[in-house]
Amino acid sequence: MALPYAVFNTELIQMQHYLADQQKNTTVFLGMYFMVKD
């Protein structure tokens, strides 16, 4: 039963990286938007 857990754990880590990237992109986008808006 160790293998399915390892696969699940890997996918969880990848999802966390993906969400962190999305959050970073949103922050950058909003920063650029407000800089242009000023």
Protein backbone atom coordinates (compact mmCIF):
# COMPACT_ATOMS: atom_id res chain seq x y z
CA MET A 1 0.00 0.00 0.00
CA ALA A 2 3.01 2.30 0.01
CA LEU A 3 2.96 2.89 -3.73
CA PRO A 4 -0.52 4.44 -4.12
CA TYR A 5 0.28 6.74 -1.20
CA ALA A 6 3.52 7.84 -2.87
CA VAL A 7 1.70 8.55 -6.13
CA PHE A 8 -1.02 10.46 -4.31
CA ASN A 9 1.61 12.41 -2.36
CA THR A 10 3.44 13.34 -5.58
CA GLU A 11 0.24 14.57 -7.21
CA LEU A 12 -0.57 16.58 -4.09
CA ILE A 13 2.85 18.25 -4.22
CA GLN A 14 2.44 19.00 -7.92
CA MET A 15 -0.98 20.50 -7.26
CA GLN A 16 0.47 22.71 -4.51
CA HIS A 17 3.17 23.91 -6.91
CA TYR A 18 0.53 24.57 -9.56
CA LEU A 19 -1.64 26.55 -7.17
CA ALA A 20 1.37 28.53 -5.94
CA ASP A 21 2.24 29.38 -9.56
CA GLN A 22 -1.34 30.47 -10.27
CA GLN A 23 -1.33 32.65 -7.16
CA LYS A 24 2.02 34.17 -8.15
CA ASN A 25 0.74 34.88 -11.68
CA THR A 26 -2.38 36.53 -10.30
CA THR A 27 -0.30 38.69 -7.96
CA VAL A 28 1.99 39.75 -10.80
CA PHE A 29 -0.99 40.46 -13.06
CA LEU A 30 -2.73 42.57 -10.41
CA GLY A 31 0.51 44.43 -9.66
CA MET A 32 0.97 45.26 -13.33
CA TYR A 33 -2.68 46.24 -13.67
CA PHE A 34 -2.52 48.69 -10.76
CA MET A 35 0.82 50.11 -11.92
CA VAL A 36 -0.68 50.80 -15.37
CA LYS A 37 -3.87 52.19 -13.84
CA ASP A 38 -2.09 54.83 -11.73
